[in-house]
Amino acid sequence: MTEITFNYCFDFPDNRKKRFLIQLDPVTFEYKSSSNTPPDWALLDVARCQCCQLELSKHDYCPIAANIAELVIAFKDIPSQKSCLVSCISAARTCSKDSTVQDGLASIMGILMATSGCPSMSILKPMACFHLPFATVEESLFRSVSAYLLRQYFSHKKGENSDFIMHRIKDYYAEVQQVNEGILKRISMTSEMDADKNAIITLNSLAQILVKEVDEDLDSFKQLFL
């Protein structure tokens, strides 16, 4: 697979513009920030997530915090509901939407958090590689469940213990929620406005909704397969 690139553009009514380029490694499918030394709030032992699997002796920084630092700094003085035209340009397509800063940041944060090398977020990496800009709640849930089941197929092919009944999906997404909460604490240390924080809250809400849907046997999707 060739390099995966997403170029996010924010165009404001007052002619201000902000750009953020995301390039994923074609082998590891991970994102590496081009920024220099991350800020102190990105240190691994600052607001460390309860589920963190990284060793302090081997990692100075939280990989997610280090990779979102540039984005947080760029938008720290912009309100979440500030109107703008958000565009996502990739090799496959260009998508644009009259939206808010919060919604655009949620899309970018979703990619960065899934591809930064955090073990607890690796379950989301395949969806980030096939990123769908401005996905609705229903689209996000459909893609999340489908990606999880495809992962179980490949686990089964390798002779590993698979989970087609999705007994373990809630455990994975419980960790996702813990990471979201940890990143929210970090952002709160530096961000003056609420756009970055509300973007994380939006992502966390999706994880909570997924768990609820699984508890209800995905009833909202049953009609599609009758």
Protein backbone atom coordinates (compact mmCIF):
# COMPACT_ATOMS: atom_id res chain seq x y z
CA MET A 1 0.00 0.00 0.00
CA THR A 2 1.30 3.47 -0.87
CA GLU A 3 1.59 6.28 1.65
CA ILE A 4 -1.78 7.33 3.04
CA THR A 5 -2.29 11.08 3.18
CA PHE A 6 -5.12 13.25 4.49
CA ASN A 7 -4.90 17.00 4.10
CA TYR A 8 -7.41 18.79 6.35
CA CYS A 9 -8.25 22.41 5.56
CA PHE A 10 -10.22 24.84 7.74
CA ASP A 11 -11.47 27.95 5.93
CA PHE A 12 -13.08 30.59 8.16
CA PRO A 13 -15.57 33.33 7.16
CA ASP A 14 -12.96 36.02 7.98
CA ASN A 15 -10.59 34.45 5.39
CA ARG A 16 -8.35 32.88 8.01
CA LYS A 17 -7.12 29.41 7.08
CA LYS A 18 -5.61 26.50 8.97
CA ARG A 19 -4.08 23.42 7.40
CA PHE A 20 -3.09 20.07 8.87
CA LEU A 21 -1.40 17.31 6.87
CA ILE A 22 -1.55 13.71 8.04
CA GLN A 23 0.79 11.19 6.46
CA LEU A 24 0.69 7.55 7.55
CA ASP A 25 3.64 5.23 7.08
CA PRO A 26 2.81 2.74 4.25
CA VAL A 27 4.22 -0.19 6.26
CA THR A 28 3.24 0.47 9.88
CA PHE A 29 0.25 2.72 9.08
CA GLU A 30 1.36 4.97 11.92
CA TYR A 31 1.59 8.75 12.06
CA LYS A 32 4.70 10.54 13.22
CA SER A 33 4.55 14.23 14.00
CA SER A 34 7.12 16.49 12.37
CA SER A 35 7.20 18.70 15.48
CA ASN A 36 10.26 19.06 17.66
CA THR A 37 10.31 18.29 21.39
CA PRO A 38 6.73 17.76 22.64
CA PRO A 39 5.38 19.91 25.49
CA ASP A 40 5.60 18.81 29.11
CA TRP A 41 1.93 17.79 29.20
CA ALA A 42 2.81 15.07 26.67
CA LEU A 43 5.23 13.33 29.07
CA LEU A 44 4.13 9.76 29.67
CA ASP A 45 3.86 10.10 33.43
CA VAL A 46 1.57 13.16 33.20
CA ALA A 47 -2.13 12.23 33.53
CA ARG A 48 -1.14 8.72 32.53
CA CYS A 49 -4.06 6.54 31.43
CA GLN A 50 -5.12 3.80 33.81
CA CYS A 51 -4.79 1.21 31.04
CA CYS A 52 -1.41 2.44 29.73
CA GLN A 53 0.75 -0.50 28.57
CA LEU A 54 3.89 1.52 27.83
CA GLU A 55 6.91 1.36 30.13
CA LEU A 56 8.22 4.62 31.56
CA SER A 57 11.76 3.32 31.18
CA LYS A 58 11.33 2.99 27.41
CA HIS A 59 8.99 5.86 26.52
CA ASP A 60 9.46 9.48 27.53
CA TYR A 61 6.22 10.69 25.99
CA CYS A 62 2.68 9.50 25.48
CA PRO A 63 2.68 8.84 21.71
CA ILE A 64 -0.81 10.25 21.25
CA ALA A 65 -0.12 13.41 23.23
CA ALA A 66 3.14 13.96 21.35
CA ASN A 67 1.42 13.60 17.99
CA ILE A 68 -1.59 15.82 18.73
CA ALA A 69 0.45 18.57 20.41
CA GLU A 70 0.85 20.60 17.21
CA LEU A 71 -2.88 20.38 16.53
CA VAL A 72 -3.82 21.36 20.09
CA ILE A 73 -1.54 24.38 20.01
CA ALA A 74 -2.87 25.49 16.61
CA PHE A 75 -6.49 25.49 17.76
CA LYS A 76 -6.18 26.30 21.47
CA ASP A 77 -7.64 29.83 21.04
CA ILE A 78 -10.58 28.90 18.77
CA PRO A 79 -14.10 28.18 20.14
CA SER A 80 -15.54 24.75 19.37
CA GLN A 81 -18.65 26.06 17.62
CA LYS A 82 -16.76 28.47 15.35
CA SER A 83 -18.24 28.02 11.86
CA CYS A 84 -15.92 27.09 9.00
CA LEU A 85 -15.64 25.09 5.81
CA VAL A 86 -13.78 21.88 6.59
CA SER A 87 -12.25 19.94 3.71
CA CYS A 88 -10.45 16.60 3.72
CA ILE A 89 -8.32 15.91 0.67
CA SER A 90 -6.96 12.41 0.08
CA ALA A 91 -5.78 10.43 -2.93
CA ALA A 92 -9.21 8.84 -3.25
CA ARG A 93 -11.50 11.85 -2.86
CA THR A 94 -12.09 15.36 -1.59
CA CYS A 95 -14.85 15.89 0.97
CA SER A 96 -16.01 19.30 2.17
CA LYS A 97 -18.61 20.33 4.72
CA ASP A 98 -19.88 23.58 6.21
CA SER A 99 -19.37 22.65 9.82
CA THR A 100 -17.67 23.67 13.06
CA VAL A 101 -14.10 23.54 14.30
CA GLN A 102 -15.11 20.89 16.81
CA ASP A 103 -16.36 18.47 14.15
CA GLY A 104 -13.30 18.93 11.98
CA LEU A 105 -10.96 18.38 14.91
CA ALA A 106 -12.85 15.24 15.96
CA SER A 107 -12.12 13.75 12.52
CA ILE A 108 -8.42 14.60 12.72
CA MET A 109 -8.09 13.48 16.35
CA GLY A 110 -9.71 10.17 15.43
CA ILE A 111 -6.97 9.46 12.89
CA LEU A 112 -4.07 10.60 15.07
CA MET A 113 -5.18 8.76 18.18
CA ALA A 114 -5.63 5.50 16.25
CA THR A 115 -2.28 5.68 14.44
CA SER A 116 0.12 7.01 17.09
CA GLY A 117 1.27 3.64 18.38
CA CYS A 118 -0.81 3.49 21.56
CA PRO A 119 -1.52 -0.24 22.17
CA SER A 120 -4.98 0.47 23.58
CA MET A 121 -6.00 2.35 20.42
CA SER A 122 -4.61 -0.13 17.87
CA ILE A 123 -8.07 -1.63 17.43
CA LEU A 124 -9.04 1.58 15.61
CA LYS A 125 -6.06 1.73 13.22
CA PRO A 126 -7.76 -0.07 10.26
CA MET A 127 -10.60 2.45 10.30
CA ALA A 128 -8.13 5.33 10.32
CA CYS A 129 -6.42 3.91 7.24
CA PHE A 130 -9.80 3.88 5.48
CA HIS A 131 -10.85 7.19 7.00
CA LEU A 132 -14.37 8.41 6.28
CA PRO A 133 -14.55 12.18 6.83
CA PHE A 134 -17.62 13.58 8.59
CA ALA A 135 -19.02 10.11 9.35
CA THR A 136 -22.40 10.01 11.07
CA VAL A 137 -22.89 8.14 14.35
CA GLU A 138 -24.54 5.28 12.45
CA GLU A 139 -21.71 5.09 9.90
CA SER A 140 -19.12 5.11 12.66
CA LEU A 141 -20.85 2.29 14.53
CA PHE A 142 -21.24 0.20 11.38
CA ARG A 143 -17.58 0.64 10.49
CA SER A 144 -16.41 -0.08 14.04
CA VAL A 145 -18.31 -3.36 14.31
CA SER A 146 -17.37 -4.43 10.78
CA ALA A 147 -13.67 -3.72 11.39
CA TYR A 148 -13.78 -5.67 14.66
CA LEU A 149 -15.34 -8.71 12.99
CA LEU A 150 -12.84 -8.57 10.11
CA ARG A 151 -10.07 -8.59 12.72
CA GLN A 152 -11.59 -11.76 14.19
CA TYR A 153 -11.59 -13.37 10.73
CA PHE A 154 -7.85 -12.84 10.35
CA SER A 155 -7.27 -14.03 13.92
CA HIS A 156 -9.20 -17.19 13.10
CA LYS A 157 -7.14 -17.74 9.92
CA LYS A 158 -3.97 -17.58 12.05
CA GLY A 159 -5.36 -20.17 14.46
CA GLU A 160 -5.85 -17.64 17.25
CA ASN A 161 -8.78 -17.37 19.60
CA SER A 162 -11.41 -15.39 17.68
CA ASP A 163 -14.40 -13.49 19.02
CA PHE A 164 -17.14 -13.51 16.40
CA ILE A 165 -19.77 -13.20 19.15
CA MET A 166 -18.06 -9.96 20.22
CA HIS A 167 -17.75 -10.85 23.88
CA ARG A 168 -14.48 -8.91 24.17
CA ILE A 169 -15.33 -5.80 22.17
CA LYS A 170 -16.61 -3.98 25.24
CA ASP A 171 -13.28 -4.54 27.01
CA TYR A 172 -11.39 -3.03 24.08
CA TYR A 173 -13.66 0.00 23.95
CA ALA A 174 -13.49 0.44 27.72
CA GLU A 175 -9.75 1.02 27.19
CA VAL A 176 -10.49 3.40 24.33
CA GLN A 177 -12.66 5.44 26.70
CA GLN A 178 -9.89 5.49 29.32
CA VAL A 179 -7.44 6.82 26.71
CA ASN A 180 -9.94 9.48 25.60
CA GLU A 181 -10.35 10.59 29.20
CA GLY A 182 -6.58 10.69 29.74
CA ILE A 183 -6.00 12.78 26.62
CA LEU A 184 -8.81 15.11 27.67
CA LYS A 185 -7.02 15.75 30.99
CA ARG A 186 -3.80 16.55 29.15
CA ILE A 187 -5.48 18.96 26.73
CA SER A 188 -7.22 20.71 29.61
CA MET A 189 -3.78 21.67 30.94
CA THR A 190 -2.99 23.84 27.94
CA SER A 191 -6.04 24.65 25.82
CA GLU A 192 -7.71 28.00 26.49
CA MET A 193 -10.83 27.30 24.42
CA ASP A 194 -12.93 24.16 24.16
CA ALA A 195 -12.60 23.00 20.54
CA ASP A 196 -9.93 20.35 21.19
CA LYS A 197 -11.62 19.19 24.37
CA ASN A 198 -15.03 18.88 22.77
CA ALA A 199 -13.52 16.95 19.86
CA ILE A 200 -12.28 14.32 22.35
CA ILE A 201 -15.65 14.30 24.12
CA THR A 202 -17.32 13.62 20.76
CA LEU A 203 -15.02 10.65 20.13
CA ASN A 204 -15.61 9.32 23.62
CA SER A 205 -19.36 9.54 23.12
CA LEU A 206 -19.06 7.32 20.05
CA ALA A 207 -17.20 4.69 22.09
CA GLN A 208 -19.91 4.81 24.75
CA ILE A 209 -22.67 4.48 22.15
CA LEU A 210 -20.92 1.46 20.61
CA VAL A 211 -20.86 -0.35 23.95
CA LYS A 212 -24.56 0.42 24.43
CA GLU A 213 -25.38 -0.89 20.94
CA VAL A 214 -23.50 -4.14 21.58
CA ASP A 215 -25.42 -4.56 24.85
CA GLU A 216 -28.60 -4.25 22.80
CA ASP A 217 -27.43 -6.88 20.27
CA LEU A 218 -26.97 -4.23 17.56
CA ASP A 219 -30.74 -4.01 17.14
CA SER A 220 -30.47 -0.78 15.19
CA PHE A 221 -28.75 -2.65 12.32
CA LYS A 222 -30.84 -5.83 12.22
CA GLN A 223 -33.37 -4.51 9.70
CA LEU A 224 -30.56 -4.05 7.15
CA PHE A 225 -29.96 -7.81 7.02
CA LEU A 226 -33.50 -9.19 7.02
